[in-house]
Amino acid sequence: MSSTPLPQIKGQPPTWRNSRDDHAKNSKTQGDFTIIKGGTSSQSFIHLSLTHTTLERATHEFERAILELSKRFHFTHSLCDYSGCSGLQARVTIQNYYQYRHVDKPGWKLGWTWAKNETILSMAGAFATKQGNCSSFKFQTPPHSCEKSPVIADLMPDALSENRPDGCCHGGLVAAWAINPSKSFSSFEMTIGNLGANPNVQAPINLTLMAPGPGYTCDLIEDTDPTVYSDNGGKRQLQAYRTWKSTCTYSSFIANQAPVCCVSLSTFYNPKITSCPTCSCGCREADKNTASCIREGYSAPESGSFDNNDIVQCTDHMCPVRIHWHIMTNYVTHWKVKLTISNYNYERNYSNWNVLIQHPGFSQSTTAYSFNSTMLPSFGFSDEVALFWGIEYYNDELLNAEEDKVGAVSTQILLRKDFNSFTLRNGWALPRRIYFNGEDCQMPLPDTFPMLPNVSSSLKPTNPVFLLCIYLAFKRLFT
């Protein structure tokens, strides 16, 4: 695994000033709402960015990185006067810069409130979920949406070609930036009307994002420096006329009333298995003969296929997902771990899942045999951070549990030893912190970790020369 910076992928939205550059300088990155003046047609670009903040060390644990949301509206009005224009063409891009949080099924929903009486005349690449009251347009073609606070959803991949602008129609799915930057954005276009004879274009208010459920809180839109964007294949630079900025922050406490995952541990040198802490994600009912349990308080997306309660396999931890870390072998120069992710949810698959693990052992060469992996920046603290995710068409979907088994994916991980730090004592070889799809998993308490026995001579790696001598001796006796 390498910690080199991720490359810029061809086909991504244009690089905007005051976006990633500012993010590198500050703990937050904000997006822009921009009016761009010029050109022969009316165009605008609404750029919505999901970004991450710096990973930090907080007291005794690895602090959760914050997911931020930045929104940009870029309006370009035509050279004709407003009385002669049918509306402003707007392009909306949702860009996710968050390293390991993606937008899963059923996809994102984007909402705002118009500052005046604007309407959406037409859309391509997405749709407004409600048309609203368009009775004032009875002698005209009805607008796509007359809602004061429209909610927009993405089209599916099988949308008609004439309704598919570049970057659209992913069913609302947006990949994490570190995993697949070329699929970390989604775009759509719309024509905005009912602007009046001489409109003073104002930024929308009350930005909202469901991605796919709750968890995002947006601040007020504010003016910022106009952005610069590329045109004509990058050969021409255009100046924005006006830019607004807003930032939304993700909170797991808003998104979920209880944790969604837990961690269990085991080793080859101790028969004890450290299970997930009891009631990690809720407590089961007294009747332990029941196979399925309802996990209450789950904030599910707004979809007919989801309920506000999770139906999971009854366990003492009651978590939909369990991560198991097993120390398999201690070699002379390497050590091996088996990582298993189990799905106890009877009704939900986890598509494009990922697991983030904090462990000092990742500072050395690491090989994951059945997962994709990469290193993320650790920003100065000693423990390294590795990101794992599934291989496409092989194990990138964590299937739901069935009556007699749970859905599971696993891999073996081979790590090179750092002889200055490696030890099996005091739980050093166990993970410090684990995240599933960006959600912090409940770790067992350190005093429950499987510890190294007092007599540990048998745990020392066997000298390969000694094994070769034994092999040659037996071969001579029986030949």
Protein backbone atom coordinates (compact mmCIF):
# COMPACT_ATOMS: atom_id res chain seq x y z
CA MET A 1 0.00 0.00 0.00
CA SER A 2 1.20 3.45 -0.81
CA SER A 3 0.49 6.80 0.77
CA THR A 4 1.24 8.81 -2.37
CA PRO A 5 -1.31 11.52 -3.27
CA LEU A 6 -4.26 10.44 -5.34
CA PRO A 7 -3.99 11.47 -9.02
CA GLN A 8 -6.40 13.78 -10.80
CA ILE A 9 -8.61 11.50 -12.88
CA LYS A 10 -9.62 12.47 -16.38
CA GLY A 11 -13.35 13.10 -16.65
CA GLN A 12 -13.78 14.75 -13.25
CA PRO A 13 -15.39 18.17 -12.93
CA PRO A 14 -13.04 21.14 -13.51
CA THR A 15 -10.78 22.21 -10.67
CA TRP A 16 -12.22 25.24 -8.91
CA ARG A 17 -10.17 27.88 -7.17
CA ASN A 18 -10.79 28.17 -3.42
CA SER A 19 -11.77 24.51 -3.18
CA ARG A 20 -9.12 21.85 -2.67
CA ASP A 21 -6.36 24.46 -2.40
CA ASP A 22 -8.13 26.10 0.52
CA HIS A 23 -8.85 22.69 1.99
CA ALA A 24 -5.15 21.97 2.13
CA LYS A 25 -4.62 25.14 4.13
CA ASN A 26 -7.61 24.97 6.46
CA SER A 27 -9.42 22.35 8.48
CA LYS A 28 -12.57 22.97 6.44
CA THR A 29 -13.27 23.29 2.77
CA GLN A 30 -16.20 25.36 1.58
CA GLY A 31 -17.94 25.47 -1.76
CA ASP A 32 -19.16 28.31 -3.91
CA PHE A 33 -22.42 29.62 -5.31
CA THR A 34 -21.28 31.59 -8.33
CA ILE A 35 -22.84 33.80 -10.99
CA ILE A 36 -20.69 33.73 -14.11
CA LYS A 37 -21.11 36.46 -16.72
CA GLY A 38 -20.27 36.01 -20.38
CA GLY A 39 -20.79 33.72 -23.33
CA THR A 40 -23.53 33.51 -25.91
CA SER A 41 -25.94 31.37 -23.92
CA SER A 42 -27.24 31.36 -20.40
CA GLN A 43 -25.34 28.82 -18.29
CA SER A 44 -24.78 28.21 -14.63
CA PHE A 45 -22.98 25.65 -12.55
CA ILE A 46 -24.10 24.54 -9.11
CA HIS A 47 -21.21 22.73 -7.46
CA LEU A 48 -21.86 20.71 -4.32
CA SER A 49 -18.76 19.29 -2.64
CA LEU A 50 -18.54 16.66 0.06
CA THR A 51 -15.19 17.15 1.74
CA HIS A 52 -13.25 15.80 4.68
CA THR A 53 -11.35 17.53 7.43
CA THR A 54 -7.98 16.67 8.85
CA LEU A 55 -7.74 13.49 10.88
CA GLU A 56 -6.62 14.42 14.39
CA ARG A 57 -5.59 12.66 17.56
CA ALA A 58 -8.08 13.41 20.34
CA THR A 59 -7.00 12.46 23.90
CA HIS A 60 -6.83 8.65 23.99
CA GLU A 61 -8.49 7.73 20.70
CA PHE A 62 -8.51 8.32 17.00
CA GLU A 63 -10.97 11.16 16.44
CA ARG A 64 -13.53 10.84 13.72
CA ALA A 65 -12.81 12.93 10.65
CA ILE A 66 -15.65 15.36 9.94
CA LEU A 67 -17.56 15.17 6.71
CA GLU A 68 -18.24 18.57 5.29
CA LEU A 69 -20.54 19.59 2.56
CA SER A 70 -19.76 22.51 0.28
CA LYS A 71 -22.26 23.85 -2.19
CA ARG A 72 -21.65 26.02 -5.25
CA PHE A 73 -24.19 27.58 -7.54
CA HIS A 74 -22.59 29.03 -10.69
CA PHE A 75 -24.99 31.05 -12.82
CA THR A 76 -24.00 32.42 -16.22
CA HIS A 77 -26.62 34.75 -17.70
CA SER A 78 -26.78 35.39 -21.44
CA LEU A 79 -25.93 38.59 -23.22
CA CYS A 80 -29.60 39.19 -24.09
CA ASP A 81 -31.70 41.13 -21.61
CA TYR A 82 -33.76 39.26 -19.07
CA SER A 83 -37.06 40.13 -20.70
CA GLY A 84 -35.99 38.23 -23.79
CA CYS A 85 -34.46 35.20 -22.06
CA SER A 86 -36.38 32.08 -21.26
CA GLY A 87 -34.31 31.41 -18.15
CA LEU A 88 -30.90 30.63 -16.76
CA GLN A 89 -29.23 27.33 -17.50
CA ALA A 90 -27.80 25.80 -14.31
CA ARG A 91 -25.40 22.89 -13.97
CA VAL A 92 -25.21 21.20 -10.58
CA THR A 93 -22.28 19.04 -9.53
CA ILE A 94 -22.10 17.07 -6.30
CA GLN A 95 -18.41 16.38 -5.59
CA ASN A 96 -17.39 14.12 -2.73
CA TYR A 97 -13.90 14.82 -1.38
CA TYR A 98 -14.47 12.68 1.68
CA GLN A 99 -11.84 9.94 1.75
CA TYR A 100 -13.88 7.02 3.05
CA ARG A 101 -17.55 8.04 3.23
CA HIS A 102 -19.65 7.38 0.15
CA VAL A 103 -23.31 7.85 -0.78
CA ASP A 104 -25.04 4.47 -0.82
CA LYS A 105 -28.44 3.27 -2.04
CA PRO A 106 -31.05 4.68 -2.49
CA GLY A 107 -28.86 7.69 -3.28
CA TRP A 108 -28.64 11.40 -2.51
CA LYS A 109 -31.44 13.94 -2.36
CA LEU A 110 -30.59 17.62 -2.62
CA GLY A 111 -32.88 20.42 -1.49
CA TRP A 112 -32.96 24.18 -1.08
CA THR A 113 -35.45 27.07 -0.78
CA TRP A 114 -35.61 29.72 -3.50
CA ALA A 115 -34.96 33.27 -2.31
CA LYS A 116 -37.80 34.67 -4.46
CA ASN A 117 -40.34 33.03 -6.78
CA GLU A 118 -37.99 31.09 -9.05
CA THR A 119 -39.17 27.91 -10.74
CA ILE A 120 -37.43 25.01 -12.45
CA LEU A 121 -38.57 25.11 -16.08
CA SER A 122 -36.78 21.91 -17.13
CA MET A 123 -34.21 19.41 -15.89
CA ALA A 124 -31.76 16.92 -17.39
CA GLY A 125 -29.93 14.21 -15.45
CA ALA A 126 -32.14 14.49 -12.36
CA PHE A 127 -35.73 15.23 -11.36
CA ALA A 128 -37.65 17.19 -8.75
CA THR A 129 -39.67 14.84 -6.56
CA LYS A 130 -42.71 17.20 -6.60
CA GLN A 131 -44.03 19.48 -9.31
CA GLY A 132 -45.94 21.68 -6.90
CA ASN A 133 -48.64 24.26 -7.74
CA CYS A 134 -48.03 25.54 -11.29
CA SER A 135 -51.54 26.98 -11.82
CA SER A 136 -50.11 30.45 -12.63
CA PHE A 137 -48.54 28.95 -15.79
CA LYS A 138 -51.83 27.60 -17.22
CA PHE A 139 -51.33 29.34 -20.60
CA GLN A 140 -47.72 28.15 -20.88
CA THR A 141 -45.88 24.87 -20.85
CA PRO A 142 -46.00 23.74 -17.20
CA PRO A 143 -42.61 24.05 -15.47
CA HIS A 144 -40.83 20.97 -14.21
CA SER A 145 -41.27 22.17 -10.62
CA CYS A 146 -42.93 25.21 -9.02
CA GLU A 147 -42.03 24.15 -5.50
CA LYS A 148 -40.68 26.89 -3.25
CA SER A 149 -38.39 24.26 -1.67
CA PRO A 150 -37.67 21.65 -4.36
CA VAL A 151 -36.05 18.31 -3.58
CA ILE A 152 -33.90 16.85 -6.36
CA ALA A 153 -33.00 13.18 -6.93
CA ASP A 154 -30.66 11.53 -9.41
CA LEU A 155 -31.81 9.56 -12.46
CA MET A 156 -31.00 5.88 -12.87
CA PRO A 157 -28.27 4.67 -15.28
CA ASP A 158 -30.88 3.57 -17.85
CA ALA A 159 -32.12 7.15 -18.40
CA LEU A 160 -32.73 8.22 -22.02
CA SER A 161 -29.66 9.55 -23.83
CA GLU A 162 -31.28 12.94 -24.54
CA ASN A 163 -31.78 13.39 -20.81
CA ARG A 164 -28.22 12.48 -19.81
CA PRO A 165 -25.73 15.35 -19.41
CA ASP A 166 -22.14 14.45 -18.56
CA GLY A 167 -21.65 13.07 -15.06
CA CYS A 168 -25.28 12.26 -14.37
CA CYS A 169 -27.49 9.31 -13.77
CA HIS A 170 -25.74 7.12 -11.18
CA GLY A 171 -28.89 6.34 -9.23
CA GLY A 172 -27.73 8.77 -6.55
CA LEU A 173 -24.57 6.82 -5.76
CA VAL A 174 -21.35 8.76 -5.16
CA ALA A 175 -18.03 7.02 -4.45
CA ALA A 176 -15.56 7.97 -1.75
CA TRP A 177 -12.70 10.14 -3.01
CA ALA A 178 -9.87 7.81 -1.91
CA ILE A 179 -11.53 4.75 -3.45
CA ASN A 180 -12.73 5.96 -6.84
CA PRO A 181 -12.28 9.68 -7.55
CA SER A 182 -13.64 9.28 -11.09
CA LYS A 183 -17.02 8.30 -9.60
CA SER A 184 -16.94 10.69 -6.65
CA PHE A 185 -19.23 13.24 -8.31
CA SER A 186 -22.69 13.50 -9.82
CA SER A 187 -24.07 16.25 -12.06
CA PHE A 188 -27.37 17.47 -13.48
CA GLU A 189 -28.66 20.51 -15.37
CA MET A 190 -31.74 22.67 -15.02
CA THR A 191 -33.31 25.79 -16.50
CA ILE A 192 -34.39 28.37 -13.90
CA GLY A 193 -37.29 30.69 -14.78
CA ASN A 194 -39.75 33.20 -13.33
CA LEU A 195 -36.90 35.62 -12.70
CA GLY A 196 -38.83 38.81 -13.50
CA ALA A 197 -37.97 41.63 -15.92
CA ASN A 198 -34.82 42.78 -14.10
CA PRO A 199 -34.07 40.18 -11.48
CA ASN A 200 -31.56 40.59 -8.71
CA VAL A 201 -30.38 37.00 -8.55
CA GLN A 202 -30.07 35.83 -4.97
CA ALA A 203 -28.65 32.67 -3.49
CA PRO A 204 -31.05 29.94 -2.36
CA ILE A 205 -31.36 29.34 1.38
CA ASN A 206 -31.88 26.35 3.69
CA LEU A 207 -29.59 23.89 1.93
CA THR A 208 -30.32 20.24 2.74
CA LEU A 209 -28.69 16.97 1.74
CA MET A 210 -29.87 13.43 2.38
CA ALA A 211 -27.04 11.09 1.45
CA PRO A 212 -28.97 8.89 1.66
CA GLY A 213 -30.30 9.54 5.19
CA PRO A 214 -29.98 12.38 7.69
CA GLY A 215 -26.75 13.54 9.28
CA TYR A 216 -25.89 16.74 7.41
CA THR A 217 -26.33 20.24 8.87
CA CYS A 218 -25.70 23.20 6.55
CA ASP A 219 -24.74 26.72 7.55
CA LEU A 220 -25.84 29.94 5.85
CA ILE A 221 -24.70 30.76 2.33
CA GLU A 222 -22.23 33.64 2.25
CA ASP A 223 -20.50 35.66 -0.45
CA THR A 224 -16.94 34.80 -1.35
CA ASP A 225 -14.40 35.61 -4.06
CA PRO A 226 -15.59 34.74 -7.57
CA THR A 227 -14.23 31.47 -8.86
CA VAL A 228 -12.39 30.80 -12.09
CA TYR A 229 -13.29 27.82 -14.28
CA SER A 230 -12.06 26.32 -17.54
CA ASP A 231 -13.78 26.32 -20.89
CA ASN A 232 -13.00 25.08 -24.43
CA GLY A 233 -11.20 21.98 -23.22
CA GLY A 234 -9.17 23.88 -20.66
CA LYS A 235 -7.76 26.34 -23.22
CA ARG A 236 -9.85 29.27 -21.98
CA GLN A 237 -10.31 30.59 -18.43
CA LEU A 238 -13.62 32.25 -17.54
CA GLN A 239 -14.24 34.52 -14.56
CA ALA A 240 -17.29 34.08 -12.36
CA TYR A 241 -19.42 37.17 -11.77
CA ARG A 242 -20.53 36.31 -8.27
CA THR A 243 -19.92 33.47 -5.81
CA TRP A 244 -21.71 32.27 -2.70
CA LYS A 245 -20.37 29.78 -0.21
CA SER A 246 -21.90 27.30 2.22
CA THR A 247 -20.60 24.42 4.35
CA CYS A 248 -22.56 21.47 5.73
CA THR A 249 -21.12 19.12 8.35
CA TYR A 250 -21.91 15.44 8.88
CA SER A 251 -22.58 14.08 12.35
CA SER A 252 -22.91 10.38 13.19
CA PHE A 253 -24.87 11.34 16.29
CA ILE A 254 -27.55 12.92 14.09
CA ALA A 255 -27.48 10.12 11.52
CA ASN A 256 -27.68 7.22 13.99
CA GLN A 257 -28.98 7.04 17.54
CA ALA A 258 -26.78 4.01 18.17
CA PRO A 259 -23.53 2.65 16.66
CA VAL A 260 -23.85 0.50 13.55
CA CYS A 261 -20.83 -1.77 13.96
CA CYS A 262 -18.59 -3.40 16.54
CA VAL A 263 -15.21 -5.15 16.72
CA SER A 264 -14.27 -8.61 17.99
CA LEU A 265 -10.74 -9.97 18.43
CA SER A 266 -8.91 -13.30 18.52
CA THR A 267 -5.34 -14.61 18.25
CA PHE A 268 -3.49 -17.85 17.53
CA TYR A 269 -1.71 -17.69 20.91
CA ASN A 270 -4.78 -17.46 23.12
CA PRO A 271 -7.97 -19.59 22.82
CA LYS A 272 -10.01 -16.72 24.23
CA ILE A 273 -12.17 -14.82 21.73
CA THR A 274 -12.95 -11.25 22.71
CA SER A 275 -16.51 -10.67 21.51
CA CYS A 276 -18.10 -7.37 20.69
CA PRO A 277 -19.09 -5.50 23.85
CA THR A 278 -22.57 -6.45 25.04
CA CYS A 279 -25.24 -4.01 23.85
CA SER A 280 -22.78 -2.30 21.51
CA CYS A 281 -25.59 -1.23 19.17
CA GLY A 282 -28.57 -1.84 21.44
CA CYS A 283 -29.77 -4.56 23.78
CA ARG A 284 -31.72 -7.62 22.76
CA GLU A 285 -34.95 -8.67 24.42
CA ALA A 286 -34.95 -11.17 27.27
CA ASP A 287 -36.17 -14.01 25.03
CA LYS A 288 -32.93 -15.35 23.55
CA ASN A 289 -34.67 -18.04 21.51
CA THR A 290 -35.74 -15.53 18.87
CA ALA A 291 -33.68 -15.65 15.68
CA SER A 292 -34.48 -12.13 14.45
CA CYS A 293 -34.60 -8.92 16.45
CA ILE A 294 -35.76 -5.39 15.69
CA ARG A 295 -33.07 -2.80 16.22
CA GLU A 296 -34.95 0.38 17.05
CA GLY A 297 -33.83 3.95 16.54
CA TYR A 298 -32.22 3.37 13.17
CA SER A 299 -32.44 6.50 11.02
CA ALA A 300 -33.07 4.98 7.63
CA PRO A 301 -33.22 6.75 4.28
CA GLU A 302 -36.53 7.94 2.92
CA SER A 303 -37.36 4.98 0.76
CA GLY A 304 -40.12 2.45 0.52
CA SER A 305 -37.57 -0.37 0.80
CA PHE A 306 -36.30 0.86 4.15
CA ASP A 307 -37.99 1.06 7.53
CA ASN A 308 -37.08 3.03 10.63
CA ASN A 309 -36.21 -0.27 12.30
CA ASP A 310 -33.41 -2.64 11.36
CA ILE A 311 -34.25 -6.36 11.37
CA VAL A 312 -31.03 -8.07 12.45
CA GLN A 313 -29.93 -11.44 13.71
CA CYS A 314 -30.32 -11.55 17.50
CA THR A 315 -26.93 -11.25 19.17
CA ASP A 316 -25.56 -9.91 22.42
CA HIS A 317 -24.09 -6.93 20.58
CA MET A 318 -27.13 -6.26 18.30
CA CYS A 319 -24.98 -4.61 15.63
CA PRO A 320 -25.84 -4.90 11.93
CA VAL A 321 -22.12 -5.24 11.11
CA ARG A 322 -19.26 -6.92 12.99
CA ILE A 323 -15.55 -6.56 12.15
CA HIS A 324 -13.34 -9.42 13.36
CA TRP A 325 -9.53 -9.10 13.62
CA HIS A 326 -7.69 -12.43 14.03
CA ILE A 327 -3.91 -12.66 14.42
CA MET A 328 -3.11 -15.80 12.43
CA THR A 329 0.65 -16.36 12.35
CA ASN A 330 3.96 -14.96 13.57
CA TYR A 331 6.73 -15.44 11.00
CA VAL A 332 10.38 -14.42 11.24
CA THR A 333 10.05 -11.24 9.18
CA HIS A 334 6.27 -10.94 8.78
CA TRP A 335 3.01 -11.51 10.64
CA LYS A 336 -0.41 -12.34 9.25
CA VAL A 337 -3.93 -11.19 10.13
CA LYS A 338 -7.35 -12.31 8.93
CA LEU A 339 -9.95 -9.55 8.63
CA THR A 340 -13.62 -10.60 8.42
CA ILE A 341 -16.63 -8.33 7.95
CA SER A 342 -20.00 -9.90 8.80
CA ASN A 343 -23.46 -8.56 7.99
CA TYR A 344 -26.16 -9.46 10.54
CA ASN A 345 -28.85 -7.40 8.79
CA TYR A 346 -31.57 -9.58 7.25
CA GLU A 347 -32.81 -6.96 4.78
CA ARG A 348 -29.83 -4.86 3.71
CA ASN A 349 -26.81 -5.43 1.51
CA TYR A 350 -23.87 -3.02 1.81
CA SER A 351 -22.70 -2.00 -1.65
CA ASN A 352 -19.22 -0.52 -2.12
CA TRP A 353 -18.44 -0.95 1.58
CA ASN A 354 -15.13 0.09 3.09
CA VAL A 355 -13.24 -0.40 6.35
CA LEU A 356 -10.73 2.04 7.84
CA ILE A 357 -8.25 0.65 10.38
CA GLN A 358 -5.78 2.48 12.58
CA HIS A 359 -2.71 0.43 13.52
CA PRO A 360 1.03 1.24 13.82
CA GLY A 361 1.89 -1.93 11.89
CA PHE A 362 0.67 -0.36 8.66
CA SER A 363 3.83 1.74 8.58
CA GLN A 364 5.53 -1.29 7.02
CA SER A 365 4.88 -3.05 3.71
CA THR A 366 1.38 -4.56 3.76
CA THR A 367 -0.39 -6.95 1.37
CA ALA A 368 -4.16 -7.60 1.42
CA TYR A 369 -4.92 -10.70 -0.64
CA SER A 370 -8.68 -10.36 -1.24
CA PHE A 371 -9.40 -6.63 -0.73
CA ASN A 372 -8.27 -3.44 -2.37
CA SER A 373 -6.30 -1.20 -0.03
CA THR A 374 -4.48 2.11 0.27
CA MET A 375 -2.84 4.19 2.97
CA LEU A 376 -4.37 7.49 4.06
CA PRO A 377 -2.39 10.44 5.45
CA SER A 378 -1.93 10.18 9.23
CA PHE A 379 -1.16 13.89 9.71
CA GLY A 380 1.71 13.51 12.11
CA PHE A 381 0.59 10.98 14.72
CA SER A 382 2.34 7.63 15.10
CA ASP A 383 -0.42 5.19 14.19
CA GLU A 384 -0.92 4.60 10.47
CA VAL A 385 -4.34 4.45 8.80
CA ALA A 386 -5.21 1.89 6.10
CA LEU A 387 -8.37 1.81 4.00
CA PHE A 388 -9.77 -1.49 2.67
CA TRP A 389 -12.63 -2.07 0.23
CA GLY A 390 -13.98 -4.87 -1.95
CA ILE A 391 -12.87 -5.96 -5.41
CA GLU A 392 -15.43 -5.09 -8.09
CA TYR A 393 -17.66 -8.00 -9.16
CA TYR A 394 -16.00 -10.24 -6.54
CA ASN A 395 -16.69 -9.04 -2.99
CA ASP A 396 -17.59 -5.35 -3.26
CA GLU A 397 -21.11 -6.12 -1.99
CA LEU A 398 -21.59 -7.39 1.56
CA LEU A 399 -24.69 -9.56 1.30
CA ASN A 400 -27.47 -9.65 3.87
CA ALA A 401 -27.82 -12.35 6.50
CA GLU A 402 -29.97 -15.43 5.96
CA GLU A 403 -31.71 -17.70 8.43
CA ASP A 404 -28.77 -20.02 8.97
CA LYS A 405 -25.79 -17.75 8.18
CA VAL A 406 -24.57 -14.19 8.02
CA GLY A 407 -23.24 -12.38 4.98
CA ALA A 408 -19.45 -12.09 5.14
CA VAL A 409 -16.33 -11.05 3.24
CA SER A 410 -12.77 -11.65 4.41
CA THR A 411 -9.13 -11.32 3.51
CA GLN A 412 -5.73 -12.25 4.88
CA ILE A 413 -3.31 -9.38 5.43
CA LEU A 414 0.45 -9.93 5.47
CA LEU A 415 2.45 -7.25 7.30
CA ARG A 416 6.21 -6.84 7.40
CA LYS A 417 7.65 -6.51 10.90
CA ASP A 418 9.27 -3.41 12.27
CA PHE A 419 11.64 -5.06 14.74
CA ASN A 420 11.93 -1.85 16.73
CA SER A 421 8.25 -1.89 17.63
CA PHE A 422 6.65 -5.27 16.83
CA THR A 423 5.49 -7.34 19.78
CA LEU A 424 2.64 -9.67 20.63
CA ARG A 425 2.55 -8.38 24.20
CA ASN A 426 0.05 -5.98 25.71
CA GLY A 427 -2.27 -6.09 22.71
CA TRP A 428 0.11 -4.20 20.40
CA ALA A 429 -0.90 -6.35 17.40
CA LEU A 430 -4.59 -5.50 17.85
CA PRO A 431 -6.22 -2.52 16.07
CA ARG A 432 -6.55 0.86 17.76
CA ARG A 433 -9.71 1.97 15.97
CA ILE A 434 -11.92 0.64 13.15
CA TYR A 435 -14.52 2.42 11.01
CA PHE A 436 -17.10 0.83 8.70
CA ASN A 437 -18.38 3.11 5.91
CA GLY A 438 -17.09 6.04 7.92
CA GLU A 439 -18.95 5.05 11.11
CA ASP A 440 -16.95 4.48 14.30
CA CYS A 441 -17.20 0.85 15.48
CA GLN A 442 -17.47 -0.08 19.14
CA MET A 443 -14.15 -1.51 20.36
CA PRO A 444 -13.77 -3.97 23.26
CA LEU A 445 -12.18 -2.62 26.42
CA PRO A 446 -8.39 -3.22 26.63
CA ASP A 447 -8.71 -5.38 29.76
CA THR A 448 -10.74 -7.90 27.70
CA PHE A 449 -8.13 -8.28 24.93
CA PRO A 450 -6.68 -11.78 24.36
CA MET A 451 -3.30 -11.53 26.05
CA LEU A 452 -0.05 -13.37 25.50
CA PRO A 453 0.37 -16.37 27.86
CA ASN A 454 3.15 -16.22 30.45
CA VAL A 455 4.97 -19.14 28.79
CA SER A 456 5.57 -17.74 25.34
CA SER A 457 8.64 -19.61 24.12
CA SER A 458 6.49 -21.69 21.79
CA LEU A 459 5.26 -18.48 20.18
CA LYS A 460 8.66 -17.55 18.83
CA PRO A 461 8.86 -18.09 15.06
CA THR A 462 10.50 -21.37 14.15
CA ASN A 463 13.94 -21.08 12.60
CA PRO A 464 13.62 -22.26 8.96
CA VAL A 465 17.15 -23.79 9.08
CA PHE A 466 16.07 -26.00 12.00
CA LEU A 467 13.00 -27.15 10.07
CA LEU A 468 15.16 -27.95 7.04
CA CYS A 469 17.47 -30.11 9.18
CA ILE A 470 14.51 -32.08 10.55
CA TYR A 471 13.16 -32.58 7.03
CA LEU A 472 16.51 -33.85 5.71
CA ALA A 473 16.94 -36.20 8.67
CA PHE A 474 13.53 -37.82 8.10
CA LYS A 475 14.14 -38.04 4.39
CA ARG A 476 17.41 -39.94 5.00
CA LEU A 477 15.76 -42.36 7.44
CA PHE A 478 12.99 -43.36 5.04
CA THR A 479 14.98 -43.52 1.81
